[in-house]
Amino acid sequence: MSGLDRTTFRLTDNLAHTLQSVEVILSTNIGSRVMRRPFGGGVAELLGRAMQPRLFALIQQLVGTAIDLWEPRLSVRRVSFAGSADEVRLGSATIVIEVDYRPRGHLSDFAVERNLSFSVNFAGGAASASVL
């Protein structure tokens, strides 16, 4: 499956479309979509809070759950953090996500094509994903 890039409106391949989908999921606040209230990641609301181990655990759980719920082409294996504590305090965080990539998962074909690692940067409530 291919799709359109959100900014250039050009055709993208399946992997780029999947990463763009992850950006949308994680940058959408839960309850903000009128016709699909449960859609979203719930992560952007947590940035800027007091750093505690349970906050990191909560973010890891939210990211993993949101991707597993809303992106059938990915199966999350691990979620971890990269960057410094000061970046997180200032509202910017980098999350490294390891997944099984299933290019036809949206068609109920859950055959794993490959393992994939990518990072998601959060800054000012927006998310951007890039393959490592």
C-alpha atoms as a PDB file:
ATOM      1  CA  MET A   1       0.000   0.000   0.000  1.00  0.00           C
ATOM      2  CA  SER A   2       1.281   3.424  -0.774  1.00  0.00           C
ATOM      3  CA  GLY A   3      -0.141   6.758   0.187  1.00  0.00           C
ATOM      4  CA  LEU A   4       0.354  10.478  -0.083  1.00  0.00           C
ATOM      5  CA  ASP A   5       2.903  12.473   1.829  1.00  0.00           C
ATOM      6  CA  ARG A   6       1.099  14.928   4.127  1.00  0.00           C
ATOM      7  CA  THR A   7       3.295  17.881   3.202  1.00  0.00           C
ATOM      8  CA  THR A   8       4.222  17.363  -0.467  1.00  0.00           C
ATOM      9  CA  PHE A   9       1.162  15.369  -1.631  1.00  0.00           C
ATOM     10  CA  ARG A  10       3.451  13.051  -3.574  1.00  0.00           C
ATOM     11  CA  LEU A  11       3.137   9.280  -3.580  1.00  0.00           C
ATOM     12  CA  THR A  12       5.157   7.498  -0.907  1.00  0.00           C
ATOM     13  CA  ASP A  13       6.095   3.865  -0.481  1.00  0.00           C
ATOM     14  CA  ASN A  14       4.516   1.641   2.141  1.00  0.00           C
ATOM     15  CA  LEU A  15       7.233   2.154   4.778  1.00  0.00           C
ATOM     16  CA  ALA A  16       7.195   5.951   4.489  1.00  0.00           C
ATOM     17  CA  HIS A  17       3.399   5.892   4.695  1.00  0.00           C
ATOM     18  CA  THR A  18       3.598   3.712   7.813  1.00  0.00           C
ATOM     19  CA  LEU A  19       6.042   6.086   9.533  1.00  0.00           C
ATOM     20  CA  GLN A  20       3.828   9.024   8.613  1.00  0.00           C
ATOM     21  CA  SER A  21       0.923   7.160  10.189  1.00  0.00           C
ATOM     22  CA  VAL A  22       2.924   6.733  13.412  1.00  0.00           C
ATOM     23  CA  GLU A  23       3.624  10.492  13.432  1.00  0.00           C
ATOM     24  CA  VAL A  24      -0.109  11.195  13.142  1.00  0.00           C
ATOM     25  CA  ILE A  25      -1.036   8.677  15.827  1.00  0.00           C
ATOM     26  CA  LEU A  26       1.486   9.928  18.376  1.00  0.00           C
ATOM     27  CA  SER A  27       0.904  13.641  17.768  1.00  0.00           C
ATOM     28  CA  THR A  28      -2.894  13.392  17.990  1.00  0.00           C
ATOM     29  CA  ASN A  29      -4.412  14.047  21.389  1.00  0.00           C
ATOM     30  CA  ILE A  30      -6.900  11.421  22.515  1.00  0.00           C
ATOM     31  CA  GLY A  31     -10.420  12.788  22.157  1.00  0.00           C
ATOM     32  CA  SER A  32      -9.532  15.451  19.590  1.00  0.00           C
ATOM     33  CA  ARG A  33     -11.005  13.648  16.545  1.00  0.00           C
ATOM     34  CA  VAL A  34     -14.742  14.208  16.331  1.00  0.00           C
ATOM     35  CA  MET A  35     -15.714  10.985  14.572  1.00  0.00           C
ATOM     36  CA  ARG A  36     -13.031   8.819  16.208  1.00  0.00           C
ATOM     37  CA  ARG A  37     -12.630   9.950  19.815  1.00  0.00           C
ATOM     38  CA  PRO A  38     -10.357   7.114  21.036  1.00  0.00           C
ATOM     39  CA  PHE A  39      -7.809   7.720  18.232  1.00  0.00           C
ATOM     40  CA  GLY A  40      -4.423   9.122  19.238  1.00  0.00           C
ATOM     41  CA  GLY A  41      -1.363   8.495  21.308  1.00  0.00           C
ATOM     42  CA  GLY A  42      -1.767  10.633  24.409  1.00  0.00           C
ATOM     43  CA  VAL A  43       1.969  11.341  24.538  1.00  0.00           C
ATOM     44  CA  ALA A  44       2.133  15.028  23.632  1.00  0.00           C
ATOM     45  CA  GLU A  45       0.126  15.974  26.718  1.00  0.00           C
ATOM     46  CA  LEU A  46       2.786  14.449  28.990  1.00  0.00           C
ATOM     47  CA  LEU A  47       5.799  16.359  27.661  1.00  0.00           C
ATOM     48  CA  GLY A  48       7.051  19.039  30.026  1.00  0.00           C
ATOM     49  CA  ARG A  49       5.925  17.290  33.211  1.00  0.00           C
ATOM     50  CA  ALA A  50       8.215  16.523  36.135  1.00  0.00           C
ATOM     51  CA  MET A  51      10.585  13.758  35.154  1.00  0.00           C
ATOM     52  CA  GLN A  52      10.046  10.650  37.191  1.00  0.00           C
ATOM     53  CA  PRO A  53      10.611   6.989  36.375  1.00  0.00           C
ATOM     54  CA  ARG A  54       6.879   6.334  36.294  1.00  0.00           C
ATOM     55  CA  LEU A  55       6.416   9.086  33.673  1.00  0.00           C
ATOM     56  CA  PHE A  56       8.908   7.340  31.397  1.00  0.00           C
ATOM     57  CA  ALA A  57       7.160   4.021  31.977  1.00  0.00           C
ATOM     58  CA  LEU A  58       3.798   5.629  31.176  1.00  0.00           C
ATOM     59  CA  ILE A  59       5.097   7.160  27.939  1.00  0.00           C
ATOM     60  CA  GLN A  60       6.611   3.838  26.878  1.00  0.00           C
ATOM     61  CA  GLN A  61       3.312   2.104  27.542  1.00  0.00           C
ATOM     62  CA  LEU A  62       1.281   4.760  25.707  1.00  0.00           C
ATOM     63  CA  VAL A  63       3.513   4.659  22.635  1.00  0.00           C
ATOM     64  CA  GLY A  64       3.473   0.870  22.436  1.00  0.00           C
ATOM     65  CA  THR A  65      -0.261   0.614  22.958  1.00  0.00           C
ATOM     66  CA  ALA A  66      -1.140   3.388  20.493  1.00  0.00           C
ATOM     67  CA  ILE A  67       0.956   1.871  17.708  1.00  0.00           C
ATOM     68  CA  ASP A  68      -0.394  -1.617  18.370  1.00  0.00           C
ATOM     69  CA  LEU A  69      -3.977  -0.303  18.347  1.00  0.00           C
ATOM     70  CA  TRP A  70      -3.888   2.019  15.364  1.00  0.00           C
ATOM     71  CA  GLU A  71      -1.154   0.774  13.005  1.00  0.00           C
ATOM     72  CA  PRO A  72      -1.661  -2.866  11.930  1.00  0.00           C
ATOM     73  CA  ARG A  73       1.512  -2.826   9.795  1.00  0.00           C
ATOM     74  CA  LEU A  74       3.679  -2.615  12.923  1.00  0.00           C
ATOM     75  CA  SER A  75       4.043  -4.836  15.966  1.00  0.00           C
ATOM     76  CA  VAL A  76       5.978  -3.136  18.760  1.00  0.00           C
ATOM     77  CA  ARG A  77       8.890  -5.029  20.291  1.00  0.00           C
ATOM     78  CA  ARG A  78      10.531  -2.328  22.421  1.00  0.00           C
ATOM     79  CA  VAL A  79      10.189   1.366  23.247  1.00  0.00           C
ATOM     80  CA  SER A  80      13.118   3.287  24.740  1.00  0.00           C
ATOM     81  CA  PHE A  81      14.329   6.860  25.176  1.00  0.00           C
ATOM     82  CA  ALA A  82      17.293   8.663  23.652  1.00  0.00           C
ATOM     83  CA  GLY A  83      18.591  12.118  24.499  1.00  0.00           C
ATOM     84  CA  SER A  84      19.151  14.009  27.681  1.00  0.00           C
ATOM     85  CA  ALA A  85      16.964  14.814  30.653  1.00  0.00           C
ATOM     86  CA  ASP A  86      17.189  18.537  29.851  1.00  0.00           C
ATOM     87  CA  GLU A  87      15.684  17.971  26.406  1.00  0.00           C
ATOM     88  CA  VAL A  88      12.709  16.205  27.958  1.00  0.00           C
ATOM     89  CA  ARG A  89      12.269  18.980  30.552  1.00  0.00           C
ATOM     90  CA  LEU A  90      12.158  21.537  27.732  1.00  0.00           C
ATOM     91  CA  GLY A  91       9.382  19.614  25.950  1.00  0.00           C
ATOM     92  CA  SER A  92      11.483  17.739  23.416  1.00  0.00           C
ATOM     93  CA  ALA A  93      11.911  13.980  23.559  1.00  0.00           C
ATOM     94  CA  THR A  94      13.307  11.314  21.269  1.00  0.00           C
ATOM     95  CA  ILE A  95      11.817   7.857  21.497  1.00  0.00           C
ATOM     96  CA  VAL A  96      13.403   4.856  19.780  1.00  0.00           C
ATOM     97  CA  ILE A  97      10.915   2.198  18.731  1.00  0.00           C
ATOM     98  CA  GLU A  98      11.787  -1.321  17.608  1.00  0.00           C
ATOM     99  CA  VAL A  99       9.050  -3.067  15.641  1.00  0.00           C
ATOM    100  CA  ASP A 100       8.231  -5.997  13.396  1.00  0.00           C
ATOM    101  CA  TYR A 101       7.267  -4.542  10.018  1.00  0.00           C
ATOM    102  CA  ARG A 102       4.304  -6.308   8.409  1.00  0.00           C
ATOM    103  CA  PRO A 103       3.647  -4.501   5.110  1.00  0.00           C
ATOM    104  CA  ARG A 104       0.268  -6.173   4.535  1.00  0.00           C
ATOM    105  CA  GLY A 105      -0.914  -6.117   8.146  1.00  0.00           C
ATOM    106  CA  HIS A 106      -3.862  -3.896   7.216  1.00  0.00           C
ATOM    107  CA  LEU A 107      -5.062  -6.815   5.036  1.00  0.00           C
ATOM    108  CA  SER A 108      -4.827  -9.298   7.956  1.00  0.00           C
ATOM    109  CA  ASP A 109      -1.602 -10.780   6.567  1.00  0.00           C
ATOM    110  CA  PHE A 110       0.697 -10.571   9.598  1.00  0.00           C
ATOM    111  CA  ALA A 111       3.805 -12.047   7.976  1.00  0.00           C
ATOM    112  CA  VAL A 112       6.855 -10.149   9.222  1.00  0.00           C
ATOM    113  CA  GLU A 113       9.003  -8.749   6.422  1.00  0.00           C
ATOM    114  CA  ARG A 114      11.768  -7.423   8.669  1.00  0.00           C
ATOM    115  CA  ASN A 115      12.617  -5.933  12.037  1.00  0.00           C
ATOM    116  CA  LEU A 116      12.860  -2.174  12.007  1.00  0.00           C
ATOM    117  CA  SER A 117      14.086   0.539  14.372  1.00  0.00           C
ATOM    118  CA  PHE A 118      13.013   4.131  14.033  1.00  0.00           C
ATOM    119  CA  SER A 119      13.035   7.220  16.184  1.00  0.00           C
ATOM    120  CA  VAL A 120      10.237   9.657  16.854  1.00  0.00           C
ATOM    121  CA  ASN A 121      11.091  13.217  17.887  1.00  0.00           C
ATOM    122  CA  PHE A 122       8.551  15.171  19.876  1.00  0.00           C
ATOM    123  CA  ALA A 123       8.927  18.924  19.908  1.00  0.00           C
ATOM    124  CA  GLY A 124       6.124  21.328  20.701  1.00  0.00           C
ATOM    125  CA  GLY A 125       3.445  18.653  20.466  1.00  0.00           C
ATOM    126  CA  ALA A 126       4.423  17.561  16.942  1.00  0.00           C
ATOM    127  CA  ALA A 127       6.049  14.245  16.098  1.00  0.00           C
ATOM    128  CA  SER A 128       8.442  13.341  13.310  1.00  0.00           C
ATOM    129  CA  ALA A 129       9.663   9.797  12.575  1.00  0.00           C
ATOM    130  CA  SER A 130      12.831   8.620  10.855  1.00  0.00           C
ATOM    131  CA  VAL A 131      14.308   5.170  10.263  1.00  0.00           C
ATOM    132  CA  LEU A 132      17.560   4.419  12.090  1.00  0.00           C
END
